[in-house]
Structures are given as C-alpha cells and as structure tokens.
Amino acid sequence: MAVQSHFLSSAQRTAFTLVCGGLAVAAVAHFWWKAQKNPKYHDPSKNDDIEKLVGPYKLSRDTLYRVMDLLEEELDRGLGKESHGGATVKMFPTYVRSLPNGTEKGDILALDLGGTNFRVLLIRLNGPKIDMRNKIFLIPHSLMAGTGEKLFDHIAECLANFMHHEGLSGNGKKFPLGFTFSFPCAQLGLASATLVAWTKGFSCEGVVGQDVVQLLQKAIDKRGDIRVEIVALVNDTVGTMMSCALKDHDTRIGLILGTGTNACYMEQLSRVGTWNGDRDDPKQVIINTEWGAFGDSGCIDFLRTPHDKEVDESSINKGKQLYEKMISGMYMGEIVRLVLLDLIDKEILFASLADKHEYIQPMFTKGNFYTKFVSEIETDSGVTFRHTKQVLAEMGIQNASMDDCATVQYVCKSVSKRAAQLASAGLTVLLNRIDRPRVVIGVDGSLYRFHPRFKSVMEKTIADLVKPSIKFKMMLSTDGSGKGAALVAAVATRIAEQRAHHLPAS
C-alpha cells in the first residue's frame, strides 16, 4: 500500500509561492489604486479660495489667440520703417541672411563675451562634421571698470595666447572670427554694432556709442602677432538658431528660455521696412525680435496679475520687459512666492503649523523661492511629495501637511504652465509668419533645459494653435552662443568666396 506524503512536492510549492506572490502584488496594486483615487490630501483646484488666486494664471485658447493677434501687430510695427521708432518690440535685422548648408569647411574662430568670463573657440568644419576646442579666460574686475582700450587689449591678448597654443599663428593665414557680444547693441551690419549701454557689472569708459567690432579689431591688429578678421557679430538667439541649422536645415527659429527670453527667426526682406542693405539673393534676413519687451505699451495688461505687477514694481527696470517677466526664469520663482504669500495671509497655506510665523519666515524674503525650486517641485509624481518636502525643508519649513504640499505644487504648475503657454503663443506667431511645411525651432536656456514639463506643455500648446499645414520640431541647442557665432562667420566666409567667383549666394 502506497504511503501518502504529508509534504508538498517541489512543483506544488512553486505553484503555491506564485499564487501567494500574485495575491500580494494584487493587494499592493489595489491599495495603490485606492491611494490614487483617495489621496491623503484635498485637490487644491477644488478650493474656491485657492482658485481666486490661481485661476488668473490659467489661459484659455481664446486668450492665447488674443495674445497672438497683439504680438503680430507689434512685430509689424517693429518692422515698419515709419513705425519702428515708437515700437516696443524692436525687430532688429541681424544682417545674417544665410544658414549653414553643410559645405562650410576650414578653421573658424569664435569669441563669446557676456560676463566676467569669456571663451575663445576654434571650430574645425568639414561639411557636417565639426570639431571644437575652447578655453575660458577671466576678465578682472579692474578691467570691467577701466577703459575700453584696456578691456579689448586684454581680450586680444587672450585670443593670441589661445592661437599660439593651438598653432594658429606664424603661418601667414588670416582666420575669420565670429563675435558673440551679449550686451545691448544697435547693429549696423553683419560686422558692425554700436554699444547702447553696458550691463552685467561692466562700465568701461569710451565704449558706449562706439563700434565694438572696430574696437576689438584695432586691438587685434596692433599686436602684429596674429592675423584675424572679425566677420560677424551675433547674439545668443542667432547663435542658437545657427547651431541647430547645421544639424537640420529646416531650422528657421532660435529661442532662448533661461534667465531671460528672446527669439529670432528668418523673415522675408519684403516685410522688413527697416532694411538698408542690398536686396540680392537670398531675399531674407534673420530678425532679432527682442520680444521680451512685448507688452511694454500696455497691450497685455489684461493678462497681468497683481503678482506680476508687484514683480515689475520691485524690479530694476520697472515697466520694461513685461512679457519676459511673465515667462523667464529670473522672475518665475518670485511670482510663485508672491502667490504663496497670499495663500499664507488668507490662512489657506501652512495654517496647521505650530509657530508657523517662525517656520515660514524665509517665504517673506524677496527672491528666496528660486525658479529651480519650481522645477524640483514639479518632478514630484504620486502622493508622497518627496521633492516638495525637500524644497520646503531647505527653506526652513518643516512638517508641511500633504494639503500644503499639494497646494504649493499646484501653484508652481499653474505659474510655469502660463509661462510655457505665453512663449508658445509667441512661437506660433513666428511659425505662421514663416509658413513652411516643416520648421525646426532651435532652443537653449536653463528654464527649457531643466524644467520637467516646459517642453511638453509648449509642444501641446503650439500644436493646438498653429496652422494645421505646419509641422514643427523643437531641438535643444548645444553651445549655441559659441559654436553658432563661428558658424555665422563660416557662412559669411563661404558667401564672400562664392561672390568673389561670381557664384550665386545661398
């Protein structure tokens, strides 16, 4: 007679384990689903008192169309010969008329000056292939407040040191150079621009009102040990556009979304009433919109919240760059802080904290809520609010409730979404003006680069607003301010050689 075993077989034990494991997973999934359906916090969007403060940051499609119509009018005013003087959006022709076509070759220098550091770059082009070497140099504070002659002599000396190190001197060859000069300038030609005003802590005498290209060229030439010709001066939007155009020849827009915001795009010469150059082919020119000043005429006051107005009142350029102040990274964190302060004042936020005035004191300091906090908070998903709690703890606010975290995140999302939608409305105007079947938008800047949702919100908004016949792609630029300047110089050199041989420029 066979004896029955009281123990499970190996196969039975495996099956039993799998069943139990499956039940455990199902239980965890059930509780997760219940947590999502019934989170341990209240939805802030359902709170009428919160919505009174946050609601104005929600832009309808009709509102965005109204913004687009107003911006279109401002762009035309800036391009008009008679209306340009009184325009707030200046629409400066950059004198850059051609994009890289992949045939550019040779060694091109670039110099990128925009602060206390500056870079010298060597770009080696061989069609679509590119090799880049660069070195960073310092500008001592004594030179930032000295004479313009000493400043440009120092820059020329650093350029010469770089060229000697790279073996670019002593061979009799003259190298073209693209100059990125990130200070307000009135551009008079591709390689001619007068400084309007110093910013960023510079105050060198003898430079305002002078052609900065001539001043640097003079400093280079008097050395006698290097041969360099500055063939182009560009800003960062143009550099971004050119950098992306090397990768995709459908690039027609350059966009900066960082501390500030600006855009450039390729416009037909027939629309540029302020154009004073030749009208040879190609009959187009890149326009530096300077769109941050959109709204300085008061035309978008209907959009501005009390928090926008407070940010403007406390800024160093009151009444200026109003569109930029609603979008860019310099101001986003401050707008969020002011909304949160109103919620604190109404005892909606942090109301449950003991000794709350001591805990939330950092929130009362201007500039204490950084835009990077907005990006970090919006990386939270689910119901734990780990990053939100970390940001609040970094500010000294401990033991915030789940409701507090949900409200802070809701404010951040609302303010950043408005910024992305406003930038999208501006881009859609440019896309519709260009009106090509496919357009690539080159983008650079810390806000676009590091915010977790900015790109996706922009793509969705543009797709909703743009002409159905236009397809677009947003491309992140790499090193646009340096590489882009060299590419402008390379294109200028290619076109000059084509014209010298009586070939059509392209």
Protein backbone atom coordinates (compact mmCIF):
# COMPACT_ATOMS: atom_id res chain seq x y z
CA MET A 1 0.00 0.00 0.00
CA ALA A 2 1.47 3.36 -1.02
CA VAL A 3 2.14 5.87 1.74
CA GLN A 4 0.71 9.38 1.09
CA SER A 5 3.19 12.16 1.74
CA HIS A 6 2.12 14.98 4.08
CA PHE A 7 4.54 17.33 2.32
CA LEU A 8 4.01 19.30 -0.92
CA SER A 9 6.01 18.40 -3.96
CA SER A 10 8.54 20.86 -5.38
CA ALA A 11 6.14 21.75 -8.21
CA GLN A 12 3.29 22.30 -5.76
CA ARG A 13 5.45 24.51 -3.55
CA THR A 14 6.42 26.61 -6.59
CA ALA A 15 2.80 26.98 -7.63
CA PHE A 16 1.78 27.93 -4.08
CA THR A 17 4.54 30.57 -3.95
CA LEU A 18 3.47 32.07 -7.27
CA VAL A 19 -0.17 32.25 -6.15
CA CYS A 20 0.77 33.96 -2.91
CA GLY A 21 3.10 36.34 -4.73
CA GLY A 22 0.38 37.19 -7.20
CA LEU A 23 -2.07 37.87 -4.39
CA ALA A 24 0.49 40.14 -2.70
CA VAL A 25 1.08 42.11 -5.90
CA ALA A 26 -2.66 42.42 -6.43
CA ALA A 27 -3.09 43.67 -2.88
CA VAL A 28 -0.35 46.28 -3.31
CA ALA A 29 -1.86 47.40 -6.63
CA HIS A 30 -5.30 47.64 -5.01
CA PHE A 31 -4.04 49.83 -2.18
CA TRP A 32 -2.04 51.99 -4.64
CA TRP A 33 -5.17 52.42 -6.76
CA LYS A 34 -7.19 53.36 -3.70
CA ALA A 35 -4.48 55.87 -2.69
CA GLN A 36 -4.60 57.44 -6.12
CA LYS A 37 -8.40 57.53 -6.05
CA ASN A 38 -8.49 58.77 -2.46
CA PRO A 39 -5.21 60.61 -1.82
CA LYS A 40 -4.44 61.85 1.68
CA TYR A 41 -4.90 65.45 0.61
CA HIS A 42 -7.58 67.64 -0.88
CA ASP A 43 -7.45 68.71 -4.53
CA PRO A 44 -6.44 72.39 -4.40
CA SER A 45 -8.17 73.11 -7.72
CA LYS A 46 -11.49 72.37 -5.99
CA ASN A 47 -10.90 75.04 -3.35
CA ASP A 48 -12.66 78.28 -4.34
CA ASP A 49 -10.35 80.46 -2.22
CA ILE A 50 -7.26 78.99 -3.88
CA GLU A 51 -8.81 79.31 -7.34
CA LYS A 52 -9.43 83.04 -6.82
CA LEU A 53 -5.66 83.50 -6.67
CA VAL A 54 -4.51 80.81 -9.10
CA GLY A 55 -7.34 80.99 -11.65
CA PRO A 56 -5.95 84.10 -13.44
CA TYR A 57 -2.87 82.05 -14.41
CA LYS A 58 -5.00 79.68 -16.48
CA LEU A 59 -5.14 80.87 -20.09
CA SER A 60 -7.92 79.83 -22.43
CA ARG A 61 -7.42 79.18 -26.12
CA ASP A 62 -9.26 82.42 -26.93
CA THR A 63 -6.93 84.34 -24.63
CA LEU A 64 -3.88 82.88 -26.36
CA TYR A 65 -5.31 83.82 -29.77
CA ARG A 66 -5.77 87.37 -28.49
CA VAL A 67 -2.14 87.45 -27.33
CA MET A 68 -1.07 86.19 -30.76
CA ASP A 69 -3.02 88.92 -32.57
CA LEU A 70 -1.48 91.61 -30.36
CA LEU A 71 2.05 90.27 -30.85
CA GLU A 72 1.54 90.12 -34.62
CA GLU A 73 0.66 93.82 -34.57
CA GLU A 74 3.76 94.61 -32.50
CA LEU A 75 6.03 92.64 -34.85
CA ASP A 76 4.72 94.55 -37.86
CA ARG A 77 5.18 97.83 -36.01
CA GLY A 78 8.80 96.95 -35.25
CA LEU A 79 9.49 96.07 -38.90
CA GLY A 80 7.80 99.18 -40.30
CA LYS A 81 10.05 101.99 -41.48
CA GLU A 82 7.75 104.69 -40.14
CA SER A 83 6.53 102.88 -37.02
CA HIS A 84 9.83 101.34 -35.85
CA GLY A 85 10.85 104.35 -33.75
CA GLY A 86 7.83 104.03 -31.48
CA ALA A 87 7.71 100.24 -31.44
CA THR A 88 8.33 98.33 -28.20
CA VAL A 89 9.28 95.06 -29.98
CA LYS A 90 12.23 96.34 -31.98
CA MET A 91 12.67 93.57 -34.58
CA PHE A 92 16.32 94.32 -35.35
CA PRO A 93 17.72 92.95 -38.63
CA THR A 94 20.84 90.92 -37.77
CA TYR A 95 22.33 91.03 -41.29
CA VAL A 96 22.63 87.22 -41.12
CA ARG A 97 20.89 86.07 -44.30
CA SER A 98 22.03 82.50 -44.91
CA LEU A 99 22.13 79.32 -42.87
CA PRO A 100 24.82 76.62 -42.87
CA ASN A 101 24.29 74.26 -45.79
CA GLY A 102 26.84 71.63 -44.80
CA THR A 103 29.51 72.69 -47.30
CA GLU A 104 31.37 75.01 -44.89
CA LYS A 105 34.99 73.99 -44.32
CA GLY A 106 38.07 75.22 -42.55
CA ASP A 107 39.18 76.64 -39.20
CA ILE A 108 36.91 79.33 -37.74
CA LEU A 109 37.47 81.24 -34.51
CA ALA A 110 34.77 82.46 -32.14
CA LEU A 111 34.84 84.74 -29.14
CA ASP A 112 31.97 84.66 -26.65
CA LEU A 113 31.83 87.67 -24.30
CA GLY A 114 28.86 88.03 -21.98
CA GLY A 115 30.14 88.38 -18.42
CA THR A 116 33.17 88.10 -16.16
CA ASN A 117 34.33 85.05 -18.09
CA PHE A 118 34.74 84.84 -21.84
CA ARG A 119 35.59 81.98 -24.16
CA VAL A 120 37.76 81.66 -27.21
CA LEU A 121 36.82 78.77 -29.51
CA LEU A 122 38.32 77.07 -32.52
CA ILE A 123 35.76 75.35 -34.73
CA ARG A 124 37.08 72.94 -37.36
CA LEU A 125 34.46 72.39 -40.04
CA ASN A 126 34.44 69.70 -42.66
CA GLY A 127 30.93 69.72 -44.07
CA PRO A 128 28.53 68.41 -41.44
CA LYS A 129 31.42 67.25 -39.23
CA ILE A 130 32.54 69.65 -36.54
CA ASP A 131 35.39 69.60 -34.03
CA MET A 132 35.58 72.20 -31.30
CA ARG A 133 38.30 73.32 -28.90
CA ASN A 134 37.89 76.16 -26.44
CA LYS A 135 39.40 77.88 -23.43
CA ILE A 136 37.84 80.10 -20.78
CA PHE A 137 39.55 83.33 -19.73
CA LEU A 138 38.77 85.71 -16.86
CA ILE A 139 38.18 89.43 -17.02
CA PRO A 140 39.49 91.06 -13.82
CA HIS A 141 37.10 93.45 -12.08
CA SER A 142 39.63 96.24 -12.56
CA LEU A 143 39.23 95.88 -16.35
CA MET A 144 35.41 95.80 -16.11
CA ALA A 145 35.50 99.34 -14.72
CA GLY A 146 38.58 100.60 -16.56
CA THR A 147 38.99 101.91 -20.09
CA GLY A 148 37.60 100.22 -23.17
CA GLU A 149 41.08 100.16 -24.71
CA LYS A 150 42.46 98.09 -21.82
CA LEU A 151 39.49 95.70 -21.95
CA PHE A 152 39.85 94.96 -25.65
CA ASP A 153 43.65 94.75 -25.37
CA HIS A 154 43.17 92.06 -22.71
CA ILE A 155 40.72 90.15 -24.91
CA ALA A 156 43.12 90.36 -27.88
CA GLU A 157 45.98 89.10 -25.69
CA CYS A 158 43.93 86.09 -24.55
CA LEU A 159 42.93 85.38 -28.16
CA ALA A 160 46.61 85.48 -29.18
CA ASN A 161 47.59 83.11 -26.33
CA PHE A 162 44.92 80.65 -27.47
CA MET A 163 46.03 80.85 -31.09
CA HIS A 164 49.70 80.34 -30.18
CA HIS A 165 48.75 77.29 -28.11
CA GLU A 166 46.71 75.83 -30.99
CA GLY A 167 49.43 76.52 -33.55
CA LEU A 168 47.37 79.08 -35.46
CA SER A 169 49.93 81.89 -35.56
CA GLY A 170 53.05 82.47 -37.61
CA ASN A 171 51.77 80.77 -40.76
CA GLY A 172 50.57 83.91 -42.53
CA LYS A 173 46.97 82.70 -42.68
CA LYS A 174 44.15 85.06 -41.74
CA PHE A 175 41.38 83.43 -39.67
CA PRO A 176 37.74 84.56 -39.71
CA LEU A 177 36.16 85.17 -36.29
CA GLY A 178 32.57 85.27 -35.10
CA PHE A 179 31.99 87.55 -32.09
CA THR A 180 29.16 86.88 -29.62
CA PHE A 181 28.73 90.13 -27.69
CA SER A 182 25.84 89.79 -25.23
CA PHE A 183 25.26 93.46 -24.43
CA PRO A 184 22.63 95.81 -25.88
CA CYS A 185 23.80 96.93 -29.33
CA ALA A 186 22.46 98.71 -32.38
CA GLN A 187 23.62 96.51 -35.24
CA LEU A 188 24.64 98.41 -38.37
CA GLY A 189 25.89 95.46 -40.44
CA LEU A 190 26.95 91.87 -40.10
CA ALA A 191 30.26 93.01 -38.57
CA SER A 192 29.29 96.39 -37.18
CA ALA A 193 27.41 97.25 -33.99
CA THR A 194 27.50 100.16 -31.54
CA LEU A 195 27.14 99.57 -27.81
CA VAL A 196 23.94 101.12 -26.44
CA ALA A 197 24.69 100.54 -22.75
CA TRP A 198 26.86 98.38 -20.54
CA THR A 199 25.15 95.79 -18.30
CA LYS A 200 26.25 92.88 -16.05
CA GLY A 201 28.62 94.99 -13.96
CA PHE A 202 30.68 96.47 -16.84
CA SER A 203 31.27 100.21 -17.02
CA CYS A 204 34.32 100.60 -19.29
CA GLU A 205 34.69 104.16 -20.49
CA GLY A 206 34.95 105.08 -24.15
CA VAL A 207 32.85 102.21 -25.47
CA VAL A 208 29.17 103.26 -25.31
CA GLY A 209 28.20 104.65 -28.71
CA GLN A 210 31.26 103.10 -30.35
CA ASP A 211 31.50 100.19 -32.79
CA VAL A 212 32.65 97.28 -30.62
CA VAL A 213 33.80 95.28 -33.66
CA GLN A 214 36.15 98.09 -34.68
CA LEU A 215 37.49 98.42 -31.12
CA LEU A 216 38.32 94.70 -30.91
CA GLN A 217 39.72 94.60 -34.46
CA LYS A 218 42.01 97.53 -33.63
CA ALA A 219 43.27 95.75 -30.50
CA ILE A 220 43.98 92.59 -32.52
CA ASP A 221 45.69 94.36 -35.42
CA LYS A 222 48.08 96.45 -33.31
CA ARG A 223 49.57 93.30 -31.76
CA GLY A 224 51.09 92.15 -35.04
CA ASP A 225 51.49 88.51 -33.95
CA ILE A 226 48.12 87.12 -35.10
CA ARG A 227 46.02 87.58 -38.23
CA VAL A 228 42.28 87.63 -37.51
CA GLU A 229 39.33 89.29 -39.24
CA ILE A 230 36.06 89.72 -37.34
CA VAL A 231 33.46 88.87 -39.96
CA ALA A 232 30.28 88.66 -37.84
CA LEU A 233 28.77 89.85 -34.57
CA VAL A 234 25.80 87.89 -33.26
CA ASN A 235 23.59 87.49 -30.20
CA ASP A 236 22.70 84.25 -28.44
CA THR A 237 19.38 83.65 -30.25
CA VAL A 238 21.07 83.76 -33.65
CA GLY A 239 23.86 81.53 -32.38
CA THR A 240 21.29 79.00 -31.15
CA MET A 241 19.49 79.03 -34.49
CA MET A 242 22.68 78.60 -36.49
CA SER A 243 23.95 75.79 -34.25
CA CYS A 244 20.75 73.80 -34.81
CA ALA A 245 20.64 74.65 -38.53
CA LEU A 246 23.89 72.75 -39.05
CA LYS A 247 22.09 69.60 -37.86
CA ASP A 248 18.74 70.29 -39.53
CA HIS A 249 18.49 72.65 -42.49
CA ASP A 250 14.80 73.33 -41.76
CA THR A 251 15.75 75.39 -38.70
CA ARG A 252 14.17 78.84 -39.02
CA ILE A 253 13.71 79.98 -35.39
CA GLY A 254 16.10 80.45 -32.47
CA LEU A 255 14.64 80.68 -28.96
CA ILE A 256 16.17 81.45 -25.57
CA LEU A 257 14.25 80.39 -22.46
CA GLY A 258 16.51 80.91 -19.47
CA THR A 259 17.11 83.80 -17.12
CA GLY A 260 15.52 85.91 -19.86
CA THR A 261 13.70 85.15 -23.09
CA ASN A 262 14.13 86.23 -26.69
CA ALA A 263 13.62 84.80 -30.17
CA CYS A 264 14.89 85.29 -33.70
CA TYR A 265 13.52 83.97 -36.98
CA MET A 266 14.10 84.10 -40.72
CA GLU A 267 12.00 86.84 -42.35
CA GLN A 268 11.47 87.80 -45.99
CA LEU A 269 13.15 91.09 -46.95
CA SER A 270 9.90 92.33 -48.50
CA ARG A 271 8.44 92.55 -44.98
CA VAL A 272 11.40 94.39 -43.42
CA GLY A 273 10.75 98.09 -43.90
CA THR A 274 13.83 98.98 -41.84
CA TRP A 275 16.20 97.05 -44.14
CA ASN A 276 19.03 99.23 -45.51
CA GLY A 277 21.22 96.56 -47.09
CA ASP A 278 21.30 95.08 -50.56
CA ARG A 279 18.36 93.10 -51.92
CA ASP A 280 20.38 90.41 -53.65
CA ASP A 281 19.61 86.74 -53.10
CA PRO A 282 18.82 85.30 -50.69
CA LYS A 283 16.00 87.79 -50.12
CA GLN A 284 15.75 87.05 -46.42
CA VAL A 285 17.32 88.07 -43.11
CA ILE A 286 17.27 86.78 -39.54
CA ILE A 287 15.33 89.16 -37.31
CA ASN A 288 16.24 89.55 -33.63
CA THR A 289 12.75 90.23 -32.24
CA GLU A 290 13.71 91.37 -28.71
CA TRP A 291 10.22 90.11 -27.83
CA GLY A 292 10.79 90.36 -24.08
CA ALA A 293 9.54 93.94 -24.39
CA PHE A 294 6.16 92.83 -25.75
CA GLY A 295 3.52 94.43 -23.54
CA ASP A 296 5.57 97.46 -22.54
CA SER A 297 2.95 99.51 -24.43
CA GLY A 298 0.24 98.22 -22.08
CA CYS A 299 -1.36 95.95 -24.66
CA ILE A 300 -1.23 92.83 -22.44
CA ASP A 301 -2.19 94.48 -19.16
CA PHE A 302 -5.38 92.39 -19.21
CA LEU A 303 -3.17 89.33 -18.56
CA ARG A 304 -1.10 90.71 -15.73
CA THR A 305 -1.97 89.61 -12.21
CA PRO A 306 -1.33 91.60 -9.01
CA HIS A 307 1.73 89.38 -8.51
CA ASP A 308 3.07 90.26 -11.99
CA LYS A 309 2.64 93.94 -11.15
CA GLU A 310 4.42 93.55 -7.82
CA VAL A 311 7.35 91.77 -9.51
CA ASP A 312 7.59 94.62 -12.01
CA GLU A 313 7.35 97.33 -9.32
CA SER A 314 10.28 95.85 -7.40
CA SER A 315 12.45 95.25 -10.49
CA ILE A 316 15.37 97.39 -11.64
CA ASN A 317 13.64 98.04 -15.00
CA LYS A 318 10.11 98.95 -13.94
CA GLY A 319 7.64 98.99 -16.83
CA LYS A 320 10.08 97.21 -19.16
CA GLN A 321 10.32 93.62 -20.47
CA LEU A 322 6.80 92.77 -19.26
CA TYR A 323 6.38 89.69 -21.49
CA GLU A 324 9.76 88.42 -20.29
CA LYS A 325 8.72 88.94 -16.67
CA MET A 326 5.75 86.61 -17.17
CA ILE A 327 7.87 83.86 -18.75
CA SER A 328 11.53 83.74 -17.83
CA GLY A 329 13.47 82.05 -15.08
CA MET A 330 14.58 85.31 -13.48
CA TYR A 331 11.02 86.01 -12.32
CA MET A 332 9.09 82.71 -12.19
CA GLY A 333 10.13 81.73 -8.66
CA GLU A 334 9.29 85.19 -7.36
CA ILE A 335 5.80 85.08 -8.86
CA VAL A 336 5.23 81.71 -7.15
CA ARG A 337 6.48 83.12 -3.84
CA LEU A 338 4.03 86.03 -4.01
CA VAL A 339 1.08 83.71 -4.72
CA LEU A 340 2.10 81.51 -1.79
CA LEU A 341 2.34 84.58 0.48
CA ASP A 342 -1.24 85.50 -0.36
CA LEU A 343 -2.33 81.96 0.48
CA ILE A 344 -0.45 82.17 3.79
CA ASP A 345 -2.05 85.52 4.54
CA LYS A 346 -5.50 84.03 3.97
CA GLU A 347 -4.55 81.12 6.30
CA ILE A 348 -5.03 78.61 3.50
CA LEU A 349 -1.39 77.51 3.39
CA PHE A 350 0.68 76.23 6.35
CA ALA A 351 -2.24 77.01 8.68
CA SER A 352 -1.68 73.84 10.72
CA LEU A 353 1.97 74.52 11.56
CA ALA A 354 2.79 75.32 15.16
CA ASP A 355 4.78 78.56 15.47
CA LYS A 356 4.15 78.97 11.77
CA HIS A 357 5.47 82.53 11.60
CA GLU A 358 8.87 81.32 12.68
CA TYR A 359 8.81 78.42 10.23
CA ILE A 360 7.66 80.36 7.20
CA GLN A 361 9.81 83.46 7.72
CA PRO A 362 12.06 82.58 4.72
CA MET A 363 8.99 82.85 2.47
CA PHE A 364 8.79 86.57 3.27
CA THR A 365 12.22 87.34 1.80
CA LYS A 366 12.23 88.56 -1.81
CA GLY A 367 13.98 86.15 -4.17
CA ASN A 368 14.06 83.30 -1.65
CA PHE A 369 11.90 80.98 -3.75
CA TYR A 370 14.23 80.12 -6.62
CA THR A 371 12.96 79.10 -10.04
CA LYS A 372 14.96 75.87 -9.65
CA PHE A 373 12.57 75.07 -6.76
CA VAL A 374 9.67 75.22 -9.21
CA SER A 375 11.37 72.66 -11.45
CA GLU A 376 12.23 70.40 -8.50
CA ILE A 377 8.70 70.52 -7.07
CA GLU A 378 7.17 69.66 -10.45
CA THR A 379 9.25 66.49 -10.70
CA ASP A 380 7.04 65.00 -7.97
CA SER A 381 4.55 62.39 -9.07
CA GLY A 382 2.22 60.27 -6.97
CA VAL A 383 1.23 61.20 -3.45
CA THR A 384 4.46 61.36 -1.41
CA PHE A 385 5.59 64.90 -2.42
CA ARG A 386 9.18 63.94 -1.67
CA HIS A 387 10.79 66.76 -3.66
CA THR A 388 8.26 69.33 -2.48
CA LYS A 389 9.01 68.45 1.13
CA GLN A 390 12.75 68.67 0.43
CA VAL A 391 12.41 72.15 -1.08
CA LEU A 392 10.27 73.39 1.82
CA ALA A 393 12.71 71.87 4.32
CA GLU A 394 15.58 73.63 2.53
CA MET A 395 13.69 76.88 3.11
CA GLY A 396 13.29 76.01 6.78
CA ILE A 397 9.64 74.97 6.56
CA GLN A 398 9.32 71.64 8.38
CA ASN A 399 6.36 69.28 8.78
CA ALA A 400 4.24 70.73 5.97
CA SER A 401 1.00 68.82 5.56
CA MET A 402 0.03 66.86 2.47
CA ASP A 403 -2.53 69.58 1.69
CA ASP A 404 0.24 72.21 1.94
CA CYS A 405 2.47 70.24 -0.44
CA ALA A 406 -0.37 69.74 -2.93
CA THR A 407 -1.15 73.47 -2.88
CA VAL A 408 2.48 74.53 -3.35
CA GLN A 409 2.83 72.13 -6.29
CA TYR A 410 -0.44 73.36 -7.80
CA VAL A 411 0.76 76.97 -7.69
CA CYS A 412 4.09 76.04 -9.29
CA LYS A 413 2.39 74.11 -12.08
CA SER A 414 -0.06 76.93 -12.78
CA VAL A 415 2.60 79.65 -12.99
CA SER A 416 5.02 77.59 -15.10
CA LYS A 417 2.26 76.40 -17.44
CA ARG A 418 1.22 80.01 -18.09
CA ALA A 419 4.84 80.86 -18.91
CA ALA A 420 5.11 77.94 -21.34
CA GLN A 421 1.80 78.84 -22.99
CA LEU A 422 2.77 82.50 -23.45
CA ALA A 423 6.10 81.51 -25.00
CA SER A 424 4.19 79.06 -27.22
CA ALA A 425 1.82 81.79 -28.41
CA GLY A 426 4.84 83.85 -29.45
CA LEU A 427 6.43 80.94 -31.29
CA THR A 428 3.17 80.16 -33.06
CA VAL A 429 3.07 83.70 -34.44
CA LEU A 430 6.57 83.19 -35.87
CA LEU A 431 5.71 79.76 -37.27
CA ASN A 432 2.63 81.14 -39.02
CA ARG A 433 4.66 84.05 -40.45
CA ILE A 434 7.32 81.69 -41.82
CA ASP A 435 4.56 79.41 -43.15
CA ARG A 436 6.73 76.50 -44.29
CA PRO A 437 5.53 72.87 -44.24
CA ARG A 438 8.22 71.97 -41.69
CA VAL A 439 10.07 74.26 -39.29
CA VAL A 440 12.67 73.37 -36.67
CA ILE A 441 12.95 75.61 -33.60
CA GLY A 442 16.40 75.73 -32.00
CA VAL A 443 16.07 76.23 -28.24
CA ASP A 444 18.53 76.96 -25.46
CA GLY A 445 18.31 78.20 -21.89
CA SER A 446 18.17 76.76 -18.39
CA LEU A 447 14.39 77.05 -18.00
CA TYR A 448 13.69 74.94 -21.09
CA ARG A 449 16.61 72.62 -20.36
CA PHE A 450 15.80 71.75 -16.72
CA HIS A 451 12.07 72.25 -16.17
CA PRO A 452 10.41 68.81 -16.36
CA ARG A 453 7.24 69.90 -18.20
CA PHE A 454 8.10 73.04 -20.16
CA LYS A 455 8.85 71.26 -23.44
CA SER A 456 5.76 69.05 -23.35
CA VAL A 457 3.42 71.94 -22.45
CA MET A 458 4.89 74.03 -25.27
CA GLU A 459 4.58 71.27 -27.87
CA LYS A 460 0.95 70.64 -26.92
CA THR A 461 0.07 74.36 -26.93
CA ILE A 462 1.77 75.10 -30.26
CA ALA A 463 0.13 72.08 -31.90
CA ASP A 464 -3.24 73.43 -30.74
CA LEU A 465 -2.62 76.97 -32.07
CA VAL A 466 -0.51 76.66 -35.23
CA LYS A 467 -1.84 76.37 -38.78
CA PRO A 468 -2.67 72.71 -39.46
CA SER A 469 -0.43 72.71 -42.54
CA ILE A 470 2.71 73.46 -40.49
CA LYS A 471 4.72 70.73 -38.79
CA PHE A 472 7.29 71.78 -36.21
CA LYS A 473 10.07 70.27 -34.13
CA MET A 474 11.82 71.70 -31.07
CA MET A 475 15.57 70.96 -30.96
CA LEU A 476 17.76 71.60 -27.93
CA SER A 477 20.86 73.55 -28.93
CA THR A 478 24.32 72.68 -27.70
CA ASP A 479 26.73 75.57 -27.23
CA GLY A 480 24.83 77.94 -29.50
CA SER A 481 26.49 81.13 -28.24
CA GLY A 482 29.97 79.90 -29.17
CA LYS A 483 29.55 77.42 -31.98
CA GLY A 484 26.75 79.49 -33.52
CA ALA A 485 28.96 82.57 -33.80
CA ALA A 486 31.63 80.52 -35.57
CA LEU A 487 29.01 79.16 -37.96
CA VAL A 488 27.83 82.68 -38.81
CA ALA A 489 31.46 83.53 -39.58
CA ALA A 490 31.83 80.35 -41.65
CA VAL A 491 28.71 81.11 -43.69
CA ALA A 492 29.85 84.72 -44.23
CA THR A 493 33.22 83.44 -45.46
CA ARG A 494 31.56 80.91 -47.80
CA ILE A 495 29.29 83.57 -49.31
CA ALA A 496 32.18 86.01 -49.77
CA GLU A 497 34.13 83.32 -51.65
CA GLN A 498 31.08 82.49 -53.80
CA ARG A 499 30.63 86.13 -54.75
CA ALA A 500 34.35 86.51 -55.49
CA HIS A 501 33.95 83.70 -58.01
CA HIS A 502 30.64 85.16 -59.30
CA LEU A 503 28.62 82.26 -57.93
CA PRO A 504 25.10 82.77 -56.52
CA ALA A 505 25.00 83.10 -52.72
CA SER A 506 22.79 80.68 -50.81
